[in-house]
Amino acid sequence: YSLFHSQQAVEKYLKAFLTYHNKPFGKTHNIPLLVNLCKEIDQTFEDLLKLDLSILFPLGVTVRYPTGREITEEEAREAVDMAEKVREFILKKLRL
């Protein structure tokens, strides 16, 4: 479940940033879309797109709604690492 929780953490941090800035985002789990909305507020969110966070969206869904594909330990570690990087990035932006 580390993939699902990593995806959820990234999604929630992005939504927290948008909420802090009163930017509506609708009902979505699309991480690249959320990053682009954050980028409208702060151009440095472009740096998050370089992390290829899009891997979290299909993996989070795959874990929650299994398709028969097994997730590797490497993918799980990569997802947790990405979530930690996003957390640090956004907490700095919010000065928390």
PDB file of N, CA and C in Angstrom:
ATOM      1  N   TYR A   1       0.796  -1.210   0.000  1.00  0.00           N
ATOM      2  CA  TYR A   1       0.000   0.000   0.000  1.00  0.00           C
ATOM      3  C   TYR A   1       0.837   1.272   0.000  1.00  0.00           C
ATOM      4  N   SER A   2       2.155   1.139   0.004  1.00  0.00           N
ATOM      5  CA  SER A   2       3.001   2.331   0.032  1.00  0.00           C
ATOM      6  C   SER A   2       2.787   3.196  -1.206  1.00  0.00           C
ATOM      7  N   LEU A   3       2.468   2.581  -2.332  1.00  0.00           N
ATOM      8  CA  LEU A   3       2.210   3.359  -3.551  1.00  0.00           C
ATOM      9  C   LEU A   3       0.943   4.180  -3.416  1.00  0.00           C
ATOM     10  N   PHE A   4      -0.095   3.548  -2.939  1.00  0.00           N
ATOM     11  CA  PHE A   4      -1.362   4.261  -2.771  1.00  0.00           C
ATOM     12  C   PHE A   4      -1.184   5.425  -1.800  1.00  0.00           C
ATOM     13  N   HIS A   5      -0.524   5.171  -0.676  1.00  0.00           N
ATOM     14  CA  HIS A   5      -0.350   6.222   0.323  1.00  0.00           C
ATOM     15  C   HIS A   5       0.582   7.325  -0.173  1.00  0.00           C
ATOM     16  N   SER A   6       1.568   6.986  -0.971  1.00  0.00           N
ATOM     17  CA  SER A   6       2.445   8.004  -1.561  1.00  0.00           C
ATOM     18  C   SER A   6       1.663   8.890  -2.515  1.00  0.00           C
ATOM     19  N   GLN A   7       0.843   8.265  -3.346  1.00  0.00           N
ATOM     20  CA  GLN A   7       0.010   9.026  -4.281  1.00  0.00           C
ATOM     21  C   GLN A   7      -0.932   9.940  -3.507  1.00  0.00           C
ATOM     22  N   GLN A   8      -1.548   9.413  -2.460  1.00  0.00           N
ATOM     23  CA  GLN A   8      -2.475  10.201  -1.651  1.00  0.00           C
ATOM     24  C   GLN A   8      -1.760  11.369  -0.976  1.00  0.00           C
ATOM     25  N   ALA A   9      -0.566  11.127  -0.463  1.00  0.00           N
ATOM     26  CA  ALA A   9       0.186  12.188   0.201  1.00  0.00           C
ATOM     27  C   ALA A   9       0.505  13.321  -0.770  1.00  0.00           C
ATOM     28  N   VAL A  10       0.990  12.971  -1.953  1.00  0.00           N
ATOM     29  CA  VAL A  10       1.310  13.990  -2.956  1.00  0.00           C
ATOM     30  C   VAL A  10       0.055  14.769  -3.329  1.00  0.00           C
ATOM     31  N   GLU A  11      -1.015  14.059  -3.587  1.00  0.00           N
ATOM     32  CA  GLU A  11      -2.279  14.713  -3.945  1.00  0.00           C
ATOM     33  C   GLU A  11      -2.721  15.681  -2.850  1.00  0.00           C
ATOM     34  N   LYS A  12      -2.660  15.256  -1.601  1.00  0.00           N
ATOM     35  CA  LYS A  12      -3.118  16.096  -0.487  1.00  0.00           C
ATOM     36  C   LYS A  12      -2.210  17.304  -0.282  1.00  0.00           C
ATOM     37  N   TYR A  13      -0.903  17.140  -0.436  1.00  0.00           N
ATOM     38  CA  TYR A  13      -0.007  18.292  -0.310  1.00  0.00           C
ATOM     39  C   TYR A  13      -0.276  19.320  -1.402  1.00  0.00           C
ATOM     40  N   LEU A  14      -0.479  18.860  -2.618  1.00  0.00           N
ATOM     41  CA  LEU A  14      -0.783  19.787  -3.713  1.00  0.00           C
ATOM     42  C   LEU A  14      -2.107  20.502  -3.464  1.00  0.00           C
ATOM     43  N   LYS A  15      -3.105  19.763  -3.023  1.00  0.00           N
ATOM     44  CA  LYS A  15      -4.412  20.369  -2.733  1.00  0.00           C
ATOM     45  C   LYS A  15      -4.321  21.339  -1.555  1.00  0.00           C
ATOM     46  N   ALA A  16      -3.479  21.044  -0.584  1.00  0.00           N
ATOM     47  CA  ALA A  16      -3.289  21.960   0.546  1.00  0.00           C
ATOM     48  C   ALA A  16      -2.704  23.284   0.063  1.00  0.00           C
ATOM     49  N   PHE A  17      -1.723  23.203  -0.838  1.00  0.00           N
ATOM     50  CA  PHE A  17      -1.127  24.421  -1.389  1.00  0.00           C
ATOM     51  C   PHE A  17      -2.174  25.239  -2.140  1.00  0.00           C
ATOM     52  N   LEU A  18      -2.958  24.563  -2.957  1.00  0.00           N
ATOM     53  CA  LEU A  18      -4.002  25.258  -3.717  1.00  0.00           C
ATOM     54  C   LEU A  18      -5.046  25.870  -2.790  1.00  0.00           C
ATOM     55  N   THR A  19      -5.436  25.142  -1.767  1.00  0.00           N
ATOM     56  CA  THR A  19      -6.420  25.649  -0.807  1.00  0.00           C
ATOM     57  C   THR A  19      -5.863  26.860  -0.067  1.00  0.00           C
ATOM     58  N   TYR A  20      -4.611  26.790   0.329  1.00  0.00           N
ATOM     59  CA  TYR A  20      -3.959  27.904   1.019  1.00  0.00           C
ATOM     60  C   TYR A  20      -4.029  29.176   0.175  1.00  0.00           C
ATOM     61  N   HIS A  21      -3.922  29.007  -1.136  1.00  0.00           N
ATOM     62  CA  HIS A  21      -3.943  30.147  -2.060  1.00  0.00           C
ATOM     63  C   HIS A  21      -5.329  30.389  -2.662  1.00  0.00           C
ATOM     64  N   ASN A  22      -6.346  29.769  -2.093  1.00  0.00           N
ATOM     65  CA  ASN A  22      -7.734  29.949  -2.552  1.00  0.00           C
ATOM     66  C   ASN A  22      -7.915  29.667  -4.036  1.00  0.00           C
ATOM     67  N   LYS A  23      -7.213  28.667  -4.536  1.00  0.00           N
ATOM     68  CA  LYS A  23      -7.296  28.281  -5.949  1.00  0.00           C
ATOM     69  C   LYS A  23      -8.167  27.032  -6.053  1.00  0.00           C
ATOM     70  N   PRO A  24      -9.310  27.130  -6.722  1.00  0.00           N
ATOM     71  CA  PRO A  24     -10.171  25.949  -6.864  1.00  0.00           C
ATOM     72  C   PRO A  24      -9.520  24.884  -7.748  1.00  0.00           C
ATOM     73  N   PHE A  25      -9.804  23.629  -7.432  1.00  0.00           N
ATOM     74  CA  PHE A  25      -9.220  22.530  -8.204  1.00  0.00           C
ATOM     75  C   PHE A  25     -10.229  21.455  -8.567  1.00  0.00           C
ATOM     76  N   GLY A  26     -11.448  21.555  -8.105  1.00  0.00           N
ATOM     77  CA  GLY A  26     -12.462  20.561  -8.459  1.00  0.00           C
ATOM     78  C   GLY A  26     -12.153  19.199  -7.864  1.00  0.00           C
ATOM     79  N   LYS A  27     -12.935  18.229  -8.267  1.00  0.00           N
ATOM     80  CA  LYS A  27     -12.759  16.860  -7.772  1.00  0.00           C
ATOM     81  C   LYS A  27     -11.850  16.122  -8.751  1.00  0.00           C
ATOM     82  N   THR A  28     -10.609  15.921  -8.340  1.00  0.00           N
ATOM     83  CA  THR A  28      -9.645  15.257  -9.213  1.00  0.00           C
ATOM     84  C   THR A  28      -8.583  14.544  -8.386  1.00  0.00           C
ATOM     85  N   HIS A  29      -8.022  13.511  -8.965  1.00  0.00           N
ATOM     86  CA  HIS A  29      -6.874  12.812  -8.395  1.00  0.00           C
ATOM     87  C   HIS A  29      -5.680  12.935  -9.345  1.00  0.00           C
ATOM     88  N   ASN A  30      -5.815  13.765 -10.371  1.00  0.00           N
ATOM     89  CA  ASN A  30      -4.817  13.908 -11.422  1.00  0.00           C
ATOM     90  C   ASN A  30      -3.657  14.781 -10.936  1.00  0.00           C
ATOM     91  N   ILE A  31      -2.570  14.142 -10.576  1.00  0.00           N
ATOM     92  CA  ILE A  31      -1.425  14.855 -10.012  1.00  0.00           C
ATOM     93  C   ILE A  31      -0.811  15.849 -10.999  1.00  0.00           C
ATOM     94  N   PRO A  32      -0.565  15.482 -12.261  1.00  0.00           N
ATOM     95  CA  PRO A  32      -0.016  16.479 -13.191  1.00  0.00           C
ATOM     96  C   PRO A  32      -0.925  17.710 -13.330  1.00  0.00           C
ATOM     97  N   LEU A  33      -2.230  17.515 -13.330  1.00  0.00           N
ATOM     98  CA  LEU A  33      -3.160  18.645 -13.390  1.00  0.00           C
ATOM     99  C   LEU A  33      -3.008  19.524 -12.151  1.00  0.00           C
ATOM    100  N   LEU A  34      -2.936  18.913 -10.978  1.00  0.00           N
ATOM    101  CA  LEU A  34      -2.781  19.672  -9.738  1.00  0.00           C
ATOM    102  C   LEU A  34      -1.465  20.444  -9.722  1.00  0.00           C
ATOM    103  N   VAL A  35      -0.398  19.830 -10.207  1.00  0.00           N
ATOM    104  CA  VAL A  35       0.894  20.531 -10.275  1.00  0.00           C
ATOM    105  C   VAL A  35       0.776  21.738 -11.201  1.00  0.00           C
ATOM    106  N   ASN A  36       0.115  21.575 -12.326  1.00  0.00           N
ATOM    107  CA  ASN A  36      -0.047  22.696 -13.260  1.00  0.00           C
ATOM    108  C   ASN A  36      -0.880  23.817 -12.651  1.00  0.00           C
ATOM    109  N   LEU A  37      -1.878  23.480 -11.856  1.00  0.00           N
ATOM    110  CA  LEU A  37      -2.653  24.513 -11.161  1.00  0.00           C
ATOM    111  C   LEU A  37      -1.773  25.245 -10.148  1.00  0.00           C
ATOM    112  N   CYS A  38      -0.931  24.506  -9.445  1.00  0.00           N
ATOM    113  CA  CYS A  38       0.009  25.124  -8.504  1.00  0.00           C
ATOM    114  C   CYS A  38       0.987  26.024  -9.249  1.00  0.00           C
ATOM    115  N   LYS A  39       1.379  25.596 -10.433  1.00  0.00           N
ATOM    116  CA  LYS A  39       2.323  26.363 -11.254  1.00  0.00           C
ATOM    117  C   LYS A  39       1.738  27.717 -11.657  1.00  0.00           C
ATOM    118  N   GLU A  40       0.418  27.805 -11.760  1.00  0.00           N
ATOM    119  CA  GLU A  40      -0.219  29.094 -12.064  1.00  0.00           C
ATOM    120  C   GLU A  40       0.004  30.092 -10.929  1.00  0.00           C
ATOM    121  N   ILE A  41       0.231  29.592  -9.730  1.00  0.00           N
ATOM    122  CA  ILE A  41       0.485  30.430  -8.559  1.00  0.00           C
ATOM    123  C   ILE A  41       1.980  30.675  -8.398  1.00  0.00           C
ATOM    124  N   ASP A  42       2.767  29.636  -8.632  1.00  0.00           N
ATOM    125  CA  ASP A  42       4.215  29.692  -8.414  1.00  0.00           C
ATOM    126  C   ASP A  42       4.906  28.883  -9.514  1.00  0.00           C
ATOM    127  N   GLN A  43       5.617  29.573 -10.390  1.00  0.00           N
ATOM    128  CA  GLN A  43       6.256  28.931 -11.539  1.00  0.00           C
ATOM    129  C   GLN A  43       7.286  27.866 -11.154  1.00  0.00           C
ATOM    130  N   THR A  44       7.812  27.925  -9.939  1.00  0.00           N
ATOM    131  CA  THR A  44       8.822  26.938  -9.556  1.00  0.00           C
ATOM    132  C   THR A  44       8.236  25.534  -9.395  1.00  0.00           C
ATOM    133  N   PHE A  45       6.924  25.403  -9.440  1.00  0.00           N
ATOM    134  CA  PHE A  45       6.323  24.065  -9.417  1.00  0.00           C
ATOM    135  C   PHE A  45       6.687  23.277 -10.676  1.00  0.00           C
ATOM    136  N   GLU A  46       7.222  23.965 -11.660  1.00  0.00           N
ATOM    137  CA  GLU A  46       7.755  23.292 -12.853  1.00  0.00           C
ATOM    138  C   GLU A  46       8.794  22.250 -12.434  1.00  0.00           C
ATOM    139  N   ASP A  47       9.514  22.537 -11.353  1.00  0.00           N
ATOM    140  CA  ASP A  47      10.526  21.597 -10.852  1.00  0.00           C
ATOM    141  C   ASP A  47       9.913  20.253 -10.474  1.00  0.00           C
ATOM    142  N   LEU A  48       8.682  20.253  -9.983  1.00  0.00           N
ATOM    143  CA  LEU A  48       8.026  18.993  -9.621  1.00  0.00           C
ATOM    144  C   LEU A  48       7.713  18.158 -10.856  1.00  0.00           C
ATOM    145  N   LEU A  49       7.432  18.819 -11.965  1.00  0.00           N
ATOM    146  CA  LEU A  49       7.151  18.073 -13.195  1.00  0.00           C
ATOM    147  C   LEU A  49       8.389  17.321 -13.672  1.00  0.00           C
ATOM    148  N   LYS A  50       9.559  17.812 -13.314  1.00  0.00           N
ATOM    149  CA  LYS A  50      10.806  17.130 -13.679  1.00  0.00           C
ATOM    150  C   LYS A  50      10.965  15.811 -12.929  1.00  0.00           C
ATOM    151  N   LEU A  51      10.243  15.645 -11.825  1.00  0.00           N
ATOM    152  CA  LEU A  51      10.297  14.397 -11.061  1.00  0.00           C
ATOM    153  C   LEU A  51       9.462  13.296 -11.696  1.00  0.00           C
ATOM    154  N   ASP A  52       8.729  13.616 -12.742  1.00  0.00           N
ATOM    155  CA  ASP A  52       7.835  12.657 -13.398  1.00  0.00           C
ATOM    156  C   ASP A  52       6.858  12.054 -12.392  1.00  0.00           C
ATOM    157  N   LEU A  53       6.138  12.935 -11.713  1.00  0.00           N
ATOM    158  CA  LEU A  53       5.154  12.507 -10.720  1.00  0.00           C
ATOM    159  C   LEU A  53       3.993  11.746 -11.331  1.00  0.00           C
ATOM    160  N   SER A  54       3.880  11.797 -12.646  1.00  0.00           N
ATOM    161  CA  SER A  54       2.762  11.101 -13.295  1.00  0.00           C
ATOM    162  C   SER A  54       2.778   9.603 -13.003  1.00  0.00           C
ATOM    163  N   ILE A  55       3.925   9.073 -12.617  1.00  0.00           N
ATOM    164  CA  ILE A  55       3.996   7.650 -12.277  1.00  0.00           C
ATOM    165  C   ILE A  55       3.100   7.334 -11.075  1.00  0.00           C
ATOM    166  N   LEU A  56       2.891   8.306 -10.205  1.00  0.00           N
ATOM    167  CA  LEU A  56       2.079   8.066  -9.009  1.00  0.00           C
ATOM    168  C   LEU A  56       0.604   7.875  -9.328  1.00  0.00           C
ATOM    169  N   PHE A  57       0.113   8.548 -10.351  1.00  0.00           N
ATOM    170  CA  PHE A  57      -1.326   8.451 -10.633  1.00  0.00           C
ATOM    171  C   PHE A  57      -1.741   7.051 -11.044  1.00  0.00           C
ATOM    172  N   PRO A  58      -1.145   6.473 -12.083  1.00  0.00           N
ATOM    173  CA  PRO A  58      -1.588   5.116 -12.429  1.00  0.00           C
ATOM    174  C   PRO A  58      -1.243   4.093 -11.357  1.00  0.00           C
ATOM    175  N   LEU A  59      -0.126   4.282 -10.655  1.00  0.00           N
ATOM    176  CA  LEU A  59       0.253   3.307  -9.632  1.00  0.00           C
ATOM    177  C   LEU A  59      -0.695   3.357  -8.452  1.00  0.00           C
ATOM    178  N   GLY A  60      -1.085   4.545  -8.037  1.00  0.00           N
ATOM    179  CA  GLY A  60      -2.019   4.652  -6.927  1.00  0.00           C
ATOM    180  C   GLY A  60      -3.346   4.004  -7.247  1.00  0.00           C
ATOM    181  N   VAL A  61      -3.810   4.188  -8.459  1.00  0.00           N
ATOM    182  CA  VAL A  61      -5.067   3.586  -8.889  1.00  0.00           C
ATOM    183  C   VAL A  61      -4.925   2.081  -9.015  1.00  0.00           C
ATOM    184  N   THR A  62      -3.787   1.621  -9.532  1.00  0.00           N
ATOM    185  CA  THR A  62      -3.564   0.183  -9.709  1.00  0.00           C
ATOM    186  C   THR A  62      -3.587  -0.545  -8.370  1.00  0.00           C
ATOM    187  N   VAL A  63      -2.997   0.072  -7.363  1.00  0.00           N
ATOM    188  CA  VAL A  63      -2.962  -0.562  -6.044  1.00  0.00           C
ATOM    189  C   VAL A  63      -4.355  -0.628  -5.443  1.00  0.00           C
ATOM    190  N   ARG A  64      -5.101   0.440  -5.603  1.00  0.00           N
ATOM    191  CA  ARG A  64      -6.441   0.480  -5.005  1.00  0.00           C
ATOM    192  C   ARG A  64      -7.432  -0.361  -5.796  1.00  0.00           C
ATOM    193  N   TYR A  65      -7.284  -0.359  -7.102  1.00  0.00           N
ATOM    194  CA  TYR A  65      -8.171  -1.117  -7.983  1.00  0.00           C
ATOM    195  C   TYR A  65      -7.310  -2.075  -8.797  1.00  0.00           C
ATOM    196  N   PRO A  66      -6.949  -3.205  -8.223  1.00  0.00           N
ATOM    197  CA  PRO A  66      -5.980  -4.113  -8.862  1.00  0.00           C
ATOM    198  C   PRO A  66      -6.357  -4.522 -10.288  1.00  0.00           C
ATOM    199  N   THR A  67      -5.327  -4.550 -11.128  1.00  0.00           N
ATOM    200  CA  THR A  67      -5.510  -4.965 -12.523  1.00  0.00           C
ATOM    201  C   THR A  67      -4.722  -6.233 -12.812  1.00  0.00           C
ATOM    202  N   GLY A  68      -4.135  -6.817 -11.787  1.00  0.00           N
ATOM    203  CA  GLY A  68      -3.337  -8.009 -11.985  1.00  0.00           C
ATOM    204  C   GLY A  68      -1.860  -7.715 -12.092  1.00  0.00           C
ATOM    205  N   ARG A  69      -1.476  -6.453 -12.255  1.00  0.00           N
ATOM    206  CA  ARG A  69      -0.072  -6.065 -12.357  1.00  0.00           C
ATOM    207  C   ARG A  69       0.500  -5.901 -10.953  1.00  0.00           C
ATOM    208  N   GLU A  70       1.613  -6.555 -10.710  1.00  0.00           N
ATOM    209  CA  GLU A  70       2.259  -6.426  -9.411  1.00  0.00           C
ATOM    210  C   GLU A  70       3.210  -5.238  -9.427  1.00  0.00           C
ATOM    211  N   ILE A  71       3.262  -4.545  -8.324  1.00  0.00           N
ATOM    212  CA  ILE A  71       4.135  -3.397  -8.173  1.00  0.00           C
ATOM    213  C   ILE A  71       5.468  -3.882  -7.603  1.00  0.00           C
ATOM    214  N   THR A  72       6.556  -3.405  -8.189  1.00  0.00           N
ATOM    215  CA  THR A  72       7.877  -3.834  -7.727  1.00  0.00           C
ATOM    216  C   THR A  72       8.301  -3.037  -6.494  1.00  0.00           C
ATOM    217  N   GLU A  73       9.254  -3.587  -5.777  1.00  0.00           N
ATOM    218  CA  GLU A  73       9.794  -2.886  -4.607  1.00  0.00           C
ATOM    219  C   GLU A  73      10.452  -1.575  -5.043  1.00  0.00           C
ATOM    220  N   GLU A  74      11.095  -1.588  -6.199  1.00  0.00           N
ATOM    221  CA  GLU A  74      11.735  -0.371  -6.721  1.00  0.00           C
ATOM    222  C   GLU A  74      10.698   0.724  -6.977  1.00  0.00           C
ATOM    223  N   GLU A  75       9.555   0.364  -7.565  1.00  0.00           N
ATOM    224  CA  GLU A  75       8.491   1.344  -7.803  1.00  0.00           C
ATOM    225  C   GLU A  75       7.959   1.895  -6.483  1.00  0.00           C
ATOM    226  N   ALA A  76       7.827   1.025  -5.499  1.00  0.00           N
ATOM    227  CA  ALA A  76       7.336   1.461  -4.190  1.00  0.00           C
ATOM    228  C   ALA A  76       8.303   2.454  -3.555  1.00  0.00           C
ATOM    229  N   ARG A  77       9.588   2.139  -3.605  1.00  0.00           N
ATOM    230  CA  ARG A  77      10.599   3.042  -3.034  1.00  0.00           C
ATOM    231  C   ARG A  77      10.623   4.378  -3.783  1.00  0.00           C
ATOM    232  N   GLU A  78      10.501   4.323  -5.097  1.00  0.00           N
ATOM    233  CA  GLU A  78      10.493   5.544  -5.909  1.00  0.00           C
ATOM    234  C   GLU A  78       9.292   6.416  -5.548  1.00  0.00           C
ATOM    235  N   ALA A  79       8.145   5.805  -5.348  1.00  0.00           N
ATOM    236  CA  ALA A  79       6.936   6.549  -5.000  1.00  0.00           C
ATOM    237  C   ALA A  79       7.078   7.224  -3.637  1.00  0.00           C
ATOM    238  N   VAL A  80       7.614   6.509  -2.663  1.00  0.00           N
ATOM    239  CA  VAL A  80       7.818   7.085  -1.331  1.00  0.00           C
ATOM    240  C   VAL A  80       8.816   8.236  -1.417  1.00  0.00           C
ATOM    241  N   ASP A  81       9.877   8.071  -2.184  1.00  0.00           N
ATOM    242  CA  ASP A  81      10.875   9.122  -2.358  1.00  0.00           C
ATOM    243  C   ASP A  81      10.251  10.364  -2.990  1.00  0.00           C
ATOM    244  N   MET A  82       9.429  10.170  -4.003  1.00  0.00           N
ATOM    245  CA  MET A  82       8.759  11.300  -4.650  1.00  0.00           C
ATOM    246  C   MET A  82       7.850  12.023  -3.668  1.00  0.00           C
ATOM    247  N   ALA A  83       7.105  11.268  -2.883  1.00  0.00           N
ATOM    248  CA  ALA A  83       6.197  11.871  -1.907  1.00  0.00           C
ATOM    249  C   ALA A  83       6.977  12.717  -0.901  1.00  0.00           C
ATOM    250  N   GLU A  84       8.122  12.227  -0.466  1.00  0.00           N
ATOM    251  CA  GLU A  84       8.947  12.982   0.479  1.00  0.00           C
ATOM    252  C   GLU A  84       9.479  14.262  -0.154  1.00  0.00           C
ATOM    253  N   LYS A  85       9.878  14.203  -1.415  1.00  0.00           N
ATOM    254  CA  LYS A  85      10.375  15.394  -2.109  1.00  0.00           C
ATOM    255  C   LYS A  85       9.269  16.431  -2.273  1.00  0.00           C
ATOM    256  N   VAL A  86       8.081  15.985  -2.628  1.00  0.00           N
ATOM    257  CA  VAL A  86       6.954  16.910  -2.778  1.00  0.00           C
ATOM    258  C   VAL A  86       6.622  17.538  -1.429  1.00  0.00           C
ATOM    259  N   ARG A  87       6.617  16.722  -0.388  1.00  0.00           N
ATOM    260  CA  ARG A  87       6.332  17.227   0.963  1.00  0.00           C
ATOM    261  C   ARG A  87       7.306  18.349   1.325  1.00  0.00           C
ATOM    262  N   GLU A  88       8.604  18.109   1.171  1.00  0.00           N
ATOM    263  CA  GLU A  88       9.615  19.116   1.497  1.00  0.00           C
ATOM    264  C   GLU A  88       9.427  20.379   0.661  1.00  0.00           C
ATOM    265  N   PHE A  89       9.183  20.205  -0.626  1.00  0.00           N
ATOM    266  CA  PHE A  89       9.017  21.325  -1.551  1.00  0.00           C
ATOM    267  C   PHE A  89       7.846  22.213  -1.117  1.00  0.00           C
ATOM    268  N   ILE A  90       6.704  21.589  -0.843  1.00  0.00           N
ATOM    269  CA  ILE A  90       5.504  22.364  -0.519  1.00  0.00           C
ATOM    270  C   ILE A  90       5.595  22.972   0.877  1.00  0.00           C
ATOM    271  N   LEU A  91       6.139  22.258   1.835  1.00  0.00           N
ATOM    272  CA  LEU A  91       6.290  22.840   3.174  1.00  0.00           C
ATOM    273  C   LEU A  91       7.179  24.077   3.137  1.00  0.00           C
ATOM    274  N   LYS A  92       8.206  24.074   2.297  1.00  0.00           N
ATOM    275  CA  LYS A  92       9.047  25.271   2.138  1.00  0.00           C
ATOM    276  C   LYS A  92       8.235  26.412   1.536  1.00  0.00           C
ATOM    277  N   LYS A  93       7.401  26.083   0.561  1.00  0.00           N
ATOM    278  CA  LYS A  93       6.578  27.115  -0.077  1.00  0.00           C
ATOM    279  C   LYS A  93       5.591  27.729   0.913  1.00  0.00           C
ATOM    280  N   LEU A  94       5.075  26.903   1.814  1.00  0.00           N
ATOM    281  CA  LEU A  94       4.107  27.377   2.803  1.00  0.00           C
ATOM    282  C   LEU A  94       4.799  27.884   4.070  1.00  0.00           C
ATOM    283  N   ARG A  95       6.120  27.778   4.079  1.00  0.00           N
ATOM    284  CA  ARG A  95       6.947  28.201   5.218  1.00  0.00           C
ATOM    285  C   ARG A  95       6.521  27.513   6.516  1.00  0.00           C
ATOM    286  N   LEU A  96       6.313  26.199   6.416  1.00  0.00           N
ATOM    287  CA  LEU A  96       5.921  25.409   7.595  1.00  0.00           C
ATOM    288  C   LEU A  96       7.051  24.494   8.021  1.00  0.00           C
TER     289      LEU A  96
END
